[in-house]
Amino acid sequence: MNSMHLLVPVAALCAMATPCAQADELRTASYVVEITEHCPEGEVGCRDVSYVGRNIRTGKSIALKGEAVMHLCPDRVTPCSHEGYRFKSGKVEYRVTPDGMLLVTRGSEVLVEERGTWQPTAAEQVASVALAQSVGVQLESGYAVARAKLLGTSWKADSAWGKSGVHGQLAYRQYPEILCGEGYDAVCTGRFKKAEQAILLTIDQRTSKLRVTSVDQD
């Protein structure tokens, strides 16, 4: 296929008529994709969405316009759930799903099918750092160290979390609270509870010490 059709998002310009929206970034093995909704906050089914993409291997990029895709309720009118985004470049269609799938097709031909991970926004990163500090976890530390600190301050590991995936199997027997998605680059999270609060520790499973990359409210 033409290499231009394999390009993915990098950063969209903010529309002049609306506040500058925060771009959401998806990273797959081959692409960096940034998507920005240019609609008022809270609007369902935004039809003004920018897709700016970069091919990691070639450095080339492409910018597209598209829309959010909504699944309709049984009444066929009310939007029930968000199914991602759709963009077109001639006969080539780009789909990006909430669970991180990038699918590029031309008719029935699949040109790209890669699953990636959504990267935290700047605001989310600040919130993650603040939450980590408040619960005594140091980001970039090993999971075993972070886990010990949480257990030592009355947090409880949620062992049911580790078996809540589609296969019902533990990713790490020594850490039953860790749930991982599918594949080498899958996101893994450890869940802890304390009173009415629950937090998720995201870890990098590709590192031997299971480096903690973020702490978020659940």
N, C-alpha and C. Protein backbone atom coordinates (compact mmCIF):
# COMPACT_ATOMS: atom_id res chain seq x y z
N MET A 1 0.84 -1.19 0.00
CA MET A 1 0.00 0.00 0.00
C MET A 1 0.87 1.25 0.00
N ASN A 2 0.30 2.37 -0.37
CA ASN A 2 1.02 3.64 -0.36
C ASN A 2 1.40 3.99 1.07
N SER A 3 2.67 4.36 1.29
CA SER A 3 3.14 4.64 2.65
C SER A 3 2.37 5.77 3.31
N MET A 4 1.82 6.69 2.52
CA MET A 4 1.07 7.80 3.11
C MET A 4 -0.18 7.31 3.82
N HIS A 5 -0.70 6.14 3.43
CA HIS A 5 -1.91 5.62 4.05
C HIS A 5 -1.62 4.95 5.38
N LEU A 6 -0.35 4.82 5.73
CA LEU A 6 0.00 4.18 7.00
C LEU A 6 0.36 5.19 8.06
N LEU A 7 0.12 6.45 7.77
CA LEU A 7 0.51 7.49 8.72
C LEU A 7 -0.56 7.68 9.76
N VAL A 8 -0.14 8.06 10.96
CA VAL A 8 -1.07 8.22 12.06
C VAL A 8 -0.85 9.50 12.83
N PRO A 9 -1.81 9.94 13.73
CA PRO A 9 -1.84 11.21 14.41
C PRO A 9 -0.68 11.68 15.26
N VAL A 10 -0.52 13.00 15.25
CA VAL A 10 0.51 13.61 16.08
C VAL A 10 -0.05 14.74 16.92
N ALA A 11 -0.71 15.75 16.37
CA ALA A 11 -1.24 16.80 17.23
C ALA A 11 -2.16 17.67 16.42
N ALA A 12 -3.34 17.94 16.92
CA ALA A 12 -4.30 18.70 16.15
C ALA A 12 -4.37 20.13 16.65
N LEU A 13 -4.65 21.06 15.71
CA LEU A 13 -4.78 22.46 16.11
C LEU A 13 -6.15 22.70 16.69
N CYS A 14 -6.24 23.60 17.65
CA CYS A 14 -7.52 23.87 18.30
C CYS A 14 -8.38 24.76 17.41
N ALA A 15 -9.65 24.46 17.39
CA ALA A 15 -10.58 25.27 16.61
C ALA A 15 -10.72 26.63 17.28
N MET A 16 -10.83 27.68 16.46
CA MET A 16 -10.90 29.03 16.98
C MET A 16 -12.20 29.29 17.74
N ALA A 17 -13.27 28.58 17.36
CA ALA A 17 -14.57 28.87 17.95
C ALA A 17 -14.78 28.15 19.29
N THR A 18 -13.92 27.22 19.63
CA THR A 18 -14.10 26.48 20.87
C THR A 18 -12.80 26.48 21.65
N PRO A 19 -12.86 26.24 22.95
CA PRO A 19 -11.64 26.19 23.76
C PRO A 19 -10.71 25.12 23.23
N CYS A 20 -9.41 25.32 23.41
CA CYS A 20 -8.42 24.36 22.94
C CYS A 20 -8.58 23.05 23.70
N ALA A 21 -8.88 21.98 22.96
CA ALA A 21 -9.11 20.68 23.58
C ALA A 21 -7.79 19.94 23.79
N GLN A 22 -7.79 19.07 24.77
CA GLN A 22 -6.61 18.27 25.05
C GLN A 22 -6.56 17.09 24.09
N ALA A 23 -5.44 16.90 23.42
CA ALA A 23 -5.30 15.78 22.51
C ALA A 23 -5.09 14.49 23.28
N ASP A 24 -5.72 13.41 22.82
CA ASP A 24 -5.50 12.09 23.37
C ASP A 24 -4.50 11.38 22.47
N GLU A 25 -3.48 10.78 23.06
CA GLU A 25 -2.43 10.15 22.28
C GLU A 25 -2.45 8.64 22.42
N LEU A 26 -2.47 7.96 21.27
CA LEU A 26 -2.40 6.51 21.22
C LEU A 26 -1.07 6.11 20.60
N ARG A 27 -0.37 5.19 21.24
CA ARG A 27 0.91 4.69 20.71
C ARG A 27 0.79 3.21 20.43
N THR A 28 1.09 2.82 19.18
CA THR A 28 1.16 1.41 18.81
C THR A 28 2.61 1.10 18.48
N ALA A 29 2.87 -0.10 18.01
CA ALA A 29 4.24 -0.47 17.67
C ALA A 29 4.81 0.37 16.54
N SER A 30 3.95 0.82 15.62
CA SER A 30 4.42 1.53 14.43
C SER A 30 3.99 2.98 14.31
N TYR A 31 3.02 3.38 15.12
CA TYR A 31 2.44 4.71 14.94
C TYR A 31 2.23 5.46 16.25
N VAL A 32 2.20 6.79 16.11
CA VAL A 32 1.78 7.67 17.21
C VAL A 32 0.55 8.39 16.69
N VAL A 33 -0.55 8.29 17.43
CA VAL A 33 -1.81 8.86 16.99
C VAL A 33 -2.32 9.85 18.02
N GLU A 34 -2.58 11.07 17.59
CA GLU A 34 -3.17 12.06 18.49
C GLU A 34 -4.52 12.49 17.94
N ILE A 35 -5.51 12.45 18.79
CA ILE A 35 -6.89 12.76 18.41
C ILE A 35 -7.41 13.88 19.29
N THR A 36 -8.03 14.88 18.67
CA THR A 36 -8.57 16.02 19.41
C THR A 36 -10.02 16.27 19.00
N GLU A 37 -10.91 16.34 19.97
CA GLU A 37 -12.30 16.71 19.71
C GLU A 37 -12.44 18.22 19.81
N HIS A 38 -13.00 18.84 18.77
CA HIS A 38 -13.21 20.29 18.77
C HIS A 38 -14.69 20.59 19.01
N CYS A 39 -15.19 20.11 20.12
CA CYS A 39 -16.59 20.31 20.49
C CYS A 39 -16.65 20.75 21.95
N PRO A 40 -17.74 21.41 22.34
CA PRO A 40 -17.87 21.81 23.75
C PRO A 40 -17.77 20.59 24.66
N GLU A 41 -17.16 20.79 25.82
CA GLU A 41 -17.00 19.71 26.77
C GLU A 41 -18.35 19.11 27.14
N GLY A 42 -18.43 17.79 27.11
CA GLY A 42 -19.68 17.11 27.46
C GLY A 42 -20.56 16.80 26.27
N GLU A 43 -20.24 17.34 25.10
CA GLU A 43 -21.06 17.05 23.92
C GLU A 43 -20.85 15.60 23.50
N VAL A 44 -21.96 14.89 23.27
CA VAL A 44 -21.92 13.48 22.91
C VAL A 44 -21.87 13.34 21.39
N GLY A 45 -20.97 12.48 20.91
CA GLY A 45 -20.90 12.22 19.46
C GLY A 45 -20.33 13.38 18.67
N CYS A 46 -19.19 13.92 19.10
CA CYS A 46 -18.57 15.05 18.42
C CYS A 46 -18.31 14.73 16.94
N ARG A 47 -18.69 15.64 16.05
CA ARG A 47 -18.52 15.43 14.61
C ARG A 47 -17.38 16.28 14.04
N ASP A 48 -16.61 16.91 14.92
CA ASP A 48 -15.46 17.71 14.50
C ASP A 48 -14.23 17.22 15.26
N VAL A 49 -13.61 16.20 14.72
CA VAL A 49 -12.47 15.55 15.39
C VAL A 49 -11.26 15.55 14.46
N SER A 50 -10.11 15.92 15.00
CA SER A 50 -8.86 15.93 14.23
C SER A 50 -8.04 14.69 14.52
N TYR A 51 -7.42 14.18 13.47
CA TYR A 51 -6.52 13.02 13.58
C TYR A 51 -5.22 13.44 12.89
N VAL A 52 -4.16 13.51 13.66
CA VAL A 52 -2.86 13.85 13.09
C VAL A 52 -1.94 12.68 13.41
N GLY A 53 -1.29 12.11 12.42
CA GLY A 53 -0.54 10.90 12.71
C GLY A 53 0.87 10.87 12.18
N ARG A 54 1.66 10.07 12.87
CA ARG A 54 3.06 9.91 12.46
C ARG A 54 3.44 8.44 12.42
N ASN A 55 4.07 8.07 11.31
CA ASN A 55 4.64 6.74 11.18
C ASN A 55 6.00 6.75 11.89
N ILE A 56 6.15 5.96 12.94
CA ILE A 56 7.38 5.99 13.74
C ILE A 56 8.59 5.60 12.91
N ARG A 57 8.41 4.68 11.97
CA ARG A 57 9.55 4.19 11.19
C ARG A 57 10.01 5.18 10.13
N THR A 58 9.06 5.85 9.46
CA THR A 58 9.42 6.75 8.36
C THR A 58 9.43 8.21 8.77
N GLY A 59 8.74 8.55 9.86
CA GLY A 59 8.65 9.94 10.29
C GLY A 59 7.62 10.75 9.54
N LYS A 60 6.97 10.16 8.54
CA LYS A 60 5.95 10.89 7.77
C LYS A 60 4.66 10.99 8.56
N SER A 61 3.89 12.04 8.25
CA SER A 61 2.66 12.25 9.00
C SER A 61 1.50 12.60 8.08
N ILE A 62 0.31 12.50 8.63
CA ILE A 62 -0.91 12.81 7.89
C ILE A 62 -1.91 13.43 8.85
N ALA A 63 -2.72 14.36 8.35
CA ALA A 63 -3.76 15.01 9.16
C ALA A 63 -5.11 14.75 8.51
N LEU A 64 -6.08 14.32 9.31
CA LEU A 64 -7.40 13.99 8.80
C LEU A 64 -8.47 14.63 9.68
N LYS A 65 -9.66 14.72 9.14
CA LYS A 65 -10.82 15.17 9.90
C LYS A 65 -11.83 14.03 9.94
N GLY A 66 -12.51 13.88 11.08
CA GLY A 66 -13.48 12.82 11.19
C GLY A 66 -14.48 13.07 12.29
N GLU A 67 -14.99 11.99 12.86
CA GLU A 67 -16.05 12.12 13.85
C GLU A 67 -15.99 10.99 14.86
N ALA A 68 -16.65 11.21 15.99
CA ALA A 68 -16.81 10.15 16.99
C ALA A 68 -17.88 9.19 16.50
N VAL A 69 -17.73 7.92 16.83
CA VAL A 69 -18.70 6.90 16.44
C VAL A 69 -19.45 6.47 17.69
N MET A 70 -20.77 6.59 17.65
CA MET A 70 -21.59 6.24 18.80
C MET A 70 -22.48 5.04 18.49
N HIS A 71 -22.61 4.16 19.48
CA HIS A 71 -23.55 3.04 19.37
C HIS A 71 -24.90 3.51 19.88
N LEU A 72 -25.94 3.32 19.08
CA LEU A 72 -27.26 3.81 19.45
C LEU A 72 -28.01 2.82 20.33
N CYS A 73 -28.84 3.36 21.20
CA CYS A 73 -29.69 2.56 22.06
C CYS A 73 -30.77 1.87 21.20
N PRO A 74 -31.54 0.96 21.79
CA PRO A 74 -32.59 0.27 21.02
C PRO A 74 -33.57 1.19 20.30
N ASP A 75 -33.72 2.43 20.77
CA ASP A 75 -34.65 3.34 20.09
C ASP A 75 -34.06 3.88 18.79
N ARG A 76 -32.76 3.54 18.51
CA ARG A 76 -32.06 3.92 17.29
C ARG A 76 -31.89 5.43 17.15
N VAL A 77 -32.03 6.15 18.26
CA VAL A 77 -31.90 7.61 18.26
C VAL A 77 -30.91 8.06 19.33
N THR A 78 -31.07 7.54 20.55
CA THR A 78 -30.25 7.96 21.68
C THR A 78 -28.89 7.27 21.67
N PRO A 79 -27.79 8.06 21.75
CA PRO A 79 -26.46 7.45 21.82
C PRO A 79 -26.28 6.72 23.15
N CYS A 80 -25.84 5.45 23.10
CA CYS A 80 -25.68 4.66 24.32
C CYS A 80 -24.23 4.52 24.75
N SER A 81 -23.31 4.37 23.78
CA SER A 81 -21.91 4.17 24.14
C SER A 81 -21.00 4.69 23.05
N HIS A 82 -19.78 5.03 23.46
CA HIS A 82 -18.78 5.57 22.54
C HIS A 82 -17.96 4.41 21.97
N GLU A 83 -17.90 4.31 20.64
CA GLU A 83 -17.19 3.20 19.99
C GLU A 83 -15.89 3.64 19.33
N GLY A 84 -15.48 4.87 19.59
CA GLY A 84 -14.20 5.33 19.02
C GLY A 84 -14.38 6.43 18.00
N TYR A 85 -13.49 6.45 16.99
CA TYR A 85 -13.47 7.51 16.00
C TYR A 85 -13.29 6.94 14.60
N ARG A 86 -13.81 7.67 13.61
CA ARG A 86 -13.70 7.26 12.21
C ARG A 86 -13.20 8.44 11.38
N PHE A 87 -12.21 8.16 10.53
CA PHE A 87 -11.63 9.17 9.65
C PHE A 87 -11.47 8.56 8.26
N LYS A 88 -11.52 9.40 7.22
CA LYS A 88 -11.36 8.89 5.86
C LYS A 88 -10.35 9.70 5.07
N SER A 89 -9.61 8.99 4.22
CA SER A 89 -8.69 9.60 3.27
C SER A 89 -8.92 8.89 1.94
N GLY A 90 -9.77 9.48 1.11
CA GLY A 90 -10.16 8.81 -0.13
C GLY A 90 -10.93 7.54 0.21
N LYS A 91 -10.48 6.40 -0.31
CA LYS A 91 -11.14 5.12 -0.05
C LYS A 91 -10.60 4.42 1.20
N VAL A 92 -9.64 5.05 1.85
CA VAL A 92 -9.04 4.45 3.05
C VAL A 92 -9.74 4.98 4.30
N GLU A 93 -10.13 4.07 5.16
CA GLU A 93 -10.81 4.45 6.41
C GLU A 93 -9.94 4.10 7.60
N TYR A 94 -9.84 5.05 8.54
CA TYR A 94 -9.09 4.87 9.78
C TYR A 94 -10.09 4.76 10.92
N ARG A 95 -9.97 3.71 11.73
CA ARG A 95 -10.80 3.58 12.92
C ARG A 95 -9.90 3.47 14.15
N VAL A 96 -10.24 4.20 15.18
CA VAL A 96 -9.51 4.15 16.45
C VAL A 96 -10.53 3.87 17.54
N THR A 97 -10.31 2.80 18.31
CA THR A 97 -11.30 2.38 19.30
C THR A 97 -10.87 2.76 20.72
N PRO A 98 -11.80 2.80 21.66
CA PRO A 98 -11.47 3.17 23.04
C PRO A 98 -10.46 2.22 23.69
N ASP A 99 -10.42 0.96 23.25
CA ASP A 99 -9.47 0.02 23.86
C ASP A 99 -8.12 0.01 23.15
N GLY A 100 -7.87 1.01 22.28
CA GLY A 100 -6.54 1.18 21.71
C GLY A 100 -6.27 0.47 20.41
N MET A 101 -7.30 0.07 19.67
CA MET A 101 -7.08 -0.58 18.38
C MET A 101 -7.05 0.46 17.26
N LEU A 102 -6.00 0.39 16.44
CA LEU A 102 -5.90 1.20 15.23
C LEU A 102 -6.16 0.28 14.05
N LEU A 103 -7.22 0.54 13.30
CA LEU A 103 -7.59 -0.29 12.17
C LEU A 103 -7.71 0.58 10.93
N VAL A 104 -6.89 0.28 9.92
CA VAL A 104 -6.91 1.03 8.66
C VAL A 104 -7.32 0.06 7.56
N THR A 105 -8.38 0.39 6.84
CA THR A 105 -8.89 -0.51 5.80
C THR A 105 -9.14 0.23 4.50
N ARG A 106 -9.13 -0.54 3.41
CA ARG A 106 -9.54 -0.03 2.10
C ARG A 106 -10.52 -1.05 1.55
N GLY A 107 -11.81 -0.73 1.68
CA GLY A 107 -12.83 -1.71 1.37
C GLY A 107 -12.74 -2.87 2.35
N SER A 108 -12.62 -4.10 1.84
CA SER A 108 -12.49 -5.28 2.69
C SER A 108 -11.03 -5.61 3.03
N GLU A 109 -10.08 -4.84 2.47
CA GLU A 109 -8.66 -5.09 2.68
C GLU A 109 -8.18 -4.40 3.96
N VAL A 110 -7.56 -5.16 4.86
CA VAL A 110 -7.00 -4.61 6.10
C VAL A 110 -5.57 -4.17 5.84
N LEU A 111 -5.31 -2.88 5.96
CA LEU A 111 -3.98 -2.33 5.72
C LEU A 111 -3.14 -2.27 6.99
N VAL A 112 -3.78 -1.92 8.10
CA VAL A 112 -3.10 -1.84 9.40
C VAL A 112 -4.07 -2.34 10.47
N GLU A 113 -3.56 -3.15 11.35
CA GLU A 113 -4.34 -3.58 12.52
C GLU A 113 -3.38 -3.74 13.67
N GLU A 114 -3.29 -2.72 14.52
CA GLU A 114 -2.35 -2.72 15.64
C GLU A 114 -3.05 -2.21 16.90
N ARG A 115 -2.80 -2.90 17.99
CA ARG A 115 -3.34 -2.44 19.27
C ARG A 115 -2.23 -1.70 20.02
N GLY A 116 -2.60 -0.56 20.57
CA GLY A 116 -1.63 0.24 21.32
C GLY A 116 -2.17 0.61 22.68
N THR A 117 -1.53 1.59 23.30
CA THR A 117 -1.96 2.06 24.61
C THR A 117 -2.16 3.57 24.57
N TRP A 118 -3.22 4.03 25.23
CA TRP A 118 -3.48 5.45 25.34
C TRP A 118 -2.53 6.04 26.37
N GLN A 119 -1.93 7.16 26.05
CA GLN A 119 -0.99 7.82 26.94
C GLN A 119 -1.72 8.85 27.80
N PRO A 120 -1.31 9.02 29.05
CA PRO A 120 -1.97 10.01 29.91
C PRO A 120 -1.74 11.43 29.42
N THR A 121 -2.73 12.29 29.58
CA THR A 121 -2.60 13.69 29.22
C THR A 121 -1.75 14.39 30.29
N ALA A 122 -1.37 15.63 30.01
CA ALA A 122 -0.57 16.40 30.97
C ALA A 122 -1.30 16.53 32.31
N ALA A 123 -2.61 16.81 32.24
CA ALA A 123 -3.40 16.97 33.47
C ALA A 123 -3.47 15.65 34.23
N GLU A 124 -3.60 14.55 33.50
CA GLU A 124 -3.66 13.24 34.14
C GLU A 124 -2.32 12.89 34.78
N GLN A 125 -1.24 13.28 34.14
CA GLN A 125 0.08 13.02 34.70
C GLN A 125 0.28 13.77 36.02
N VAL A 126 -0.16 15.03 36.05
CA VAL A 126 -0.06 15.83 37.28
C VAL A 126 -0.89 15.19 38.39
N ALA A 127 -2.12 14.75 38.04
CA ALA A 127 -2.99 14.12 39.02
C ALA A 127 -2.40 12.81 39.52
N SER A 128 -1.76 12.06 38.62
CA SER A 128 -1.16 10.79 38.99
C SER A 128 0.00 10.99 39.96
N VAL A 129 0.83 11.99 39.70
CA VAL A 129 1.96 12.29 40.59
C VAL A 129 1.46 12.68 41.98
N ALA A 130 0.43 13.54 42.00
CA ALA A 130 -0.12 14.00 43.28
C ALA A 130 -0.71 12.83 44.07
N LEU A 131 -1.45 11.95 43.38
CA LEU A 131 -2.05 10.81 44.06
C LEU A 131 -0.98 9.84 44.56
N ALA A 132 0.05 9.62 43.74
CA ALA A 132 1.15 8.73 44.15
C ALA A 132 1.81 9.24 45.42
N GLN A 133 2.05 10.54 45.47
CA GLN A 133 2.67 11.13 46.66
C GLN A 133 1.76 11.00 47.88
N SER A 134 0.47 11.17 47.67
CA SER A 134 -0.46 11.13 48.81
C SER A 134 -0.58 9.73 49.41
N VAL A 135 -0.35 8.69 48.60
CA VAL A 135 -0.46 7.32 49.13
C VAL A 135 0.92 6.72 49.41
N GLY A 136 1.98 7.50 49.20
CA GLY A 136 3.31 7.05 49.55
C GLY A 136 4.00 6.17 48.53
N VAL A 137 3.56 6.26 47.26
CA VAL A 137 4.17 5.46 46.19
C VAL A 137 5.05 6.35 45.33
N GLN A 138 6.25 5.89 45.04
CA GLN A 138 7.16 6.64 44.17
C GLN A 138 7.05 6.09 42.76
N LEU A 139 6.67 6.97 41.81
CA LEU A 139 6.59 6.55 40.42
C LEU A 139 7.97 6.15 39.93
N GLU A 140 8.01 5.18 39.04
CA GLU A 140 9.23 4.59 38.47
C GLU A 140 9.88 3.59 39.43
N SER A 141 9.34 3.42 40.62
CA SER A 141 9.88 2.41 41.53
C SER A 141 9.37 1.04 41.12
N GLY A 142 9.96 -0.02 41.66
CA GLY A 142 9.50 -1.37 41.38
C GLY A 142 8.17 -1.64 42.05
N TYR A 143 7.37 -2.52 41.44
CA TYR A 143 6.04 -2.80 41.98
C TYR A 143 6.10 -3.42 43.37
N ALA A 144 7.07 -4.28 43.61
CA ALA A 144 7.18 -4.93 44.92
C ALA A 144 7.36 -3.91 46.03
N VAL A 145 8.16 -2.89 45.77
CA VAL A 145 8.40 -1.84 46.76
C VAL A 145 7.13 -1.03 46.99
N ALA A 146 6.48 -0.62 45.88
CA ALA A 146 5.25 0.17 45.99
C ALA A 146 4.16 -0.62 46.69
N ARG A 147 4.07 -1.89 46.37
CA ARG A 147 3.05 -2.75 46.98
C ARG A 147 3.26 -2.86 48.49
N ALA A 148 4.51 -3.05 48.90
CA ALA A 148 4.82 -3.17 50.33
C ALA A 148 4.45 -1.91 51.09
N LYS A 149 4.69 -0.74 50.47
CA LYS A 149 4.34 0.52 51.14
C LYS A 149 2.83 0.66 51.30
N LEU A 150 2.08 0.25 50.30
CA LEU A 150 0.63 0.33 50.39
C LEU A 150 0.09 -0.62 51.46
N LEU A 151 0.56 -1.86 51.44
CA LEU A 151 0.10 -2.83 52.43
C LEU A 151 0.48 -2.40 53.84
N GLY A 152 1.58 -1.67 53.96
CA GLY A 152 2.02 -1.20 55.26
C GLY A 152 1.24 -0.02 55.79
N THR A 153 0.40 0.56 54.95
CA THR A 153 -0.43 1.71 55.36
C THR A 153 -1.92 1.39 55.22
N SER A 154 -2.24 0.12 55.46
CA SER A 154 -3.64 -0.34 55.54
C SER A 154 -4.37 -0.47 54.21
N TRP A 155 -3.67 -0.37 53.08
CA TRP A 155 -4.31 -0.66 51.80
C TRP A 155 -4.41 -2.18 51.65
N LYS A 156 -5.46 -2.65 50.99
CA LYS A 156 -5.66 -4.08 50.77
C LYS A 156 -5.57 -4.38 49.27
N ALA A 157 -4.78 -5.43 48.94
CA ALA A 157 -4.69 -5.85 47.54
C ALA A 157 -6.00 -6.50 47.12
N ASP A 158 -6.57 -6.08 45.99
CA ASP A 158 -7.84 -6.61 45.49
C ASP A 158 -7.57 -7.86 44.63
N SER A 159 -7.55 -9.03 45.26
CA SER A 159 -7.22 -10.26 44.55
C SER A 159 -8.24 -10.62 43.48
N ALA A 160 -9.48 -10.13 43.62
CA ALA A 160 -10.50 -10.43 42.62
C ALA A 160 -10.20 -9.72 41.29
N TRP A 161 -9.47 -8.62 41.38
CA TRP A 161 -9.13 -7.83 40.18
C TRP A 161 -8.30 -8.65 39.19
N GLY A 162 -7.36 -9.42 39.72
CA GLY A 162 -6.45 -10.18 38.85
C GLY A 162 -7.14 -11.25 38.03
N LYS A 163 -8.33 -11.69 38.44
CA LYS A 163 -9.06 -12.72 37.70
C LYS A 163 -10.28 -12.17 36.98
N SER A 164 -10.36 -10.86 36.87
CA SER A 164 -11.55 -10.26 36.28
C SER A 164 -11.49 -10.17 34.76
N GLY A 165 -10.39 -10.63 34.15
CA GLY A 165 -10.27 -10.61 32.69
C GLY A 165 -11.07 -11.72 32.03
N VAL A 166 -11.06 -11.72 30.70
CA VAL A 166 -11.88 -12.68 29.95
C VAL A 166 -11.44 -14.13 30.18
N HIS A 167 -10.16 -14.36 30.50
CA HIS A 167 -9.67 -15.72 30.69
C HIS A 167 -9.73 -16.17 32.15
N GLY A 168 -9.98 -15.26 33.06
CA GLY A 168 -10.10 -15.60 34.47
C GLY A 168 -8.84 -16.19 35.06
N GLN A 169 -7.67 -15.78 34.56
CA GLN A 169 -6.41 -16.32 35.03
C GLN A 169 -5.51 -15.20 35.56
N LEU A 170 -4.66 -15.54 36.52
CA LEU A 170 -3.75 -14.55 37.09
C LEU A 170 -2.57 -14.31 36.17
N ALA A 171 -2.17 -13.05 36.05
CA ALA A 171 -0.98 -12.71 35.27
C ALA A 171 0.28 -12.99 36.10
N TYR A 172 0.19 -12.74 37.41
CA TYR A 172 1.31 -12.98 38.33
C TYR A 172 0.77 -13.65 39.59
N ARG A 173 1.18 -14.88 39.84
CA ARG A 173 0.67 -15.60 41.01
C ARG A 173 1.04 -14.93 42.32
N GLN A 174 2.24 -14.30 42.36
CA GLN A 174 2.65 -13.64 43.59
C GLN A 174 1.93 -12.32 43.81
N TYR A 175 1.29 -11.81 42.74
CA TYR A 175 0.55 -10.55 42.83
C TYR A 175 -0.85 -10.77 42.26
N PRO A 176 -1.74 -11.40 43.01
CA PRO A 176 -3.08 -11.73 42.48
C PRO A 176 -3.94 -10.52 42.18
N GLU A 177 -3.49 -9.35 42.61
CA GLU A 177 -4.27 -8.13 42.35
C GLU A 177 -3.94 -7.50 41.00
N ILE A 178 -3.00 -8.07 40.23
CA ILE A 178 -2.61 -7.50 38.94
C ILE A 178 -3.42 -8.11 37.81
N LEU A 179 -4.00 -7.25 36.99
CA LEU A 179 -4.75 -7.66 35.80
C LEU A 179 -4.03 -7.13 34.56
N CYS A 180 -3.80 -7.99 33.59
CA CYS A 180 -3.15 -7.58 32.34
C CYS A 180 -4.06 -7.82 31.15
N GLY A 181 -3.93 -6.96 30.14
CA GLY A 181 -4.64 -7.16 28.91
C GLY A 181 -3.94 -8.20 28.05
N GLU A 182 -4.26 -8.23 26.76
CA GLU A 182 -3.69 -9.22 25.84
C GLU A 182 -2.42 -8.68 25.18
N GLY A 183 -1.43 -9.54 24.98
CA GLY A 183 -0.26 -9.19 24.20
C GLY A 183 0.91 -8.64 25.00
N TYR A 184 2.05 -8.55 24.31
CA TYR A 184 3.30 -8.11 24.94
C TYR A 184 3.21 -6.69 25.46
N ASP A 185 2.51 -5.81 24.73
CA ASP A 185 2.42 -4.41 25.13
C ASP A 185 1.15 -4.11 25.92
N ALA A 186 0.50 -5.15 26.43
CA ALA A 186 -0.76 -4.95 27.14
C ALA A 186 -0.55 -4.14 28.42
N VAL A 187 -1.57 -3.40 28.80
CA VAL A 187 -1.53 -2.62 30.03
C VAL A 187 -1.81 -3.54 31.21
N CYS A 188 -1.00 -3.40 32.27
CA CYS A 188 -1.19 -4.18 33.49
C CYS A 188 -1.43 -3.22 34.65
N THR A 189 -2.41 -3.52 35.47
CA THR A 189 -2.72 -2.67 36.62
C THR A 189 -2.91 -3.53 37.87
N GLY A 190 -2.44 -3.00 38.99
CA GLY A 190 -2.67 -3.62 40.28
C GLY A 190 -3.69 -2.77 41.05
N ARG A 191 -4.71 -3.40 41.61
CA ARG A 191 -5.78 -2.65 42.27
C ARG A 191 -5.70 -2.83 43.79
N PHE A 192 -5.86 -1.70 44.51
CA PHE A 192 -5.82 -1.69 45.97
C PHE A 192 -7.03 -0.93 46.50
N LYS A 193 -7.51 -1.36 47.65
CA LYS A 193 -8.68 -0.74 48.26
C LYS A 193 -8.38 -0.32 49.71
N LYS A 194 -9.02 0.78 50.11
CA LYS A 194 -8.90 1.25 51.49
C LYS A 194 -10.16 2.03 51.81
N ALA A 195 -10.95 1.52 52.72
CA ALA A 195 -12.25 2.12 53.04
C ALA A 195 -13.07 2.20 51.75
N GLU A 196 -13.51 3.40 51.37
CA GLU A 196 -14.32 3.56 50.17
C GLU A 196 -13.49 3.94 48.94
N GLN A 197 -12.18 3.98 49.10
CA GLN A 197 -11.30 4.41 48.01
C GLN A 197 -10.65 3.21 47.33
N ALA A 198 -10.45 3.35 46.02
CA ALA A 198 -9.74 2.31 45.25
C ALA A 198 -8.78 2.99 44.29
N ILE A 199 -7.58 2.43 44.16
CA ILE A 199 -6.59 3.00 43.24
C ILE A 199 -6.03 1.90 42.34
N LEU A 200 -5.52 2.32 41.20
CA LEU A 200 -4.89 1.41 40.25
C LEU A 200 -3.45 1.83 40.03
N LEU A 201 -2.53 0.89 40.18
CA LEU A 201 -1.12 1.12 39.86
C LEU A 201 -0.85 0.52 38.50
N THR A 202 -0.51 1.34 37.52
CA THR A 202 -0.17 0.84 36.20
C THR A 202 1.31 0.50 36.18
N ILE A 203 1.63 -0.68 35.65
CA ILE A 203 3.02 -1.13 35.66
C ILE A 203 3.50 -1.44 34.24
N ASP A 204 4.79 -1.37 34.06
CA ASP A 204 5.41 -1.74 32.79
C ASP A 204 5.86 -3.19 32.91
N GLN A 205 5.09 -4.10 32.33
CA GLN A 205 5.38 -5.53 32.46
C GLN A 205 6.63 -5.95 31.68
N ARG A 206 7.16 -5.05 30.84
CA ARG A 206 8.35 -5.39 30.06
C ARG A 206 9.64 -5.20 30.86
N THR A 207 9.52 -4.63 32.07
CA THR A 207 10.69 -4.45 32.93
C THR A 207 10.69 -5.51 34.02
N SER A 208 11.86 -5.97 34.39
CA SER A 208 11.96 -7.06 35.37
C SER A 208 11.40 -6.68 36.73
N LYS A 209 11.54 -5.43 37.10
CA LYS A 209 11.04 -5.01 38.42
C LYS A 209 9.60 -4.51 38.36
N LEU A 210 8.96 -4.62 37.18
CA LEU A 210 7.58 -4.17 37.01
C LEU A 210 7.44 -2.71 37.46
N ARG A 211 8.10 -1.85 36.73
CA ARG A 211 8.16 -0.42 37.06
C ARG A 211 6.76 0.20 37.12
N VAL A 212 6.47 0.95 38.18
CA VAL A 212 5.19 1.63 38.34
C VAL A 212 5.21 2.92 37.53
N THR A 213 4.29 3.07 36.58
CA THR A 213 4.29 4.23 35.71
C THR A 213 3.24 5.27 36.08
N SER A 214 2.18 4.85 36.76
CA SER A 214 1.17 5.83 37.17
C SER A 214 0.31 5.26 38.30
N VAL A 215 -0.32 6.15 39.04
CA VAL A 215 -1.27 5.79 40.08
C VAL A 215 -2.53 6.61 39.83
N ASP A 216 -3.68 5.93 39.73
CA ASP A 216 -4.91 6.60 39.37
C ASP A 216 -6.06 6.14 40.25
N GLN A 217 -7.03 7.02 40.44
CA GLN A 217 -8.25 6.65 41.14
C GLN A 217 -9.06 5.69 40.28
N ASP A 218 -9.72 4.74 40.90
CA ASP A 218 -10.58 3.83 40.16
C ASP A 218 -12.03 4.08 40.55
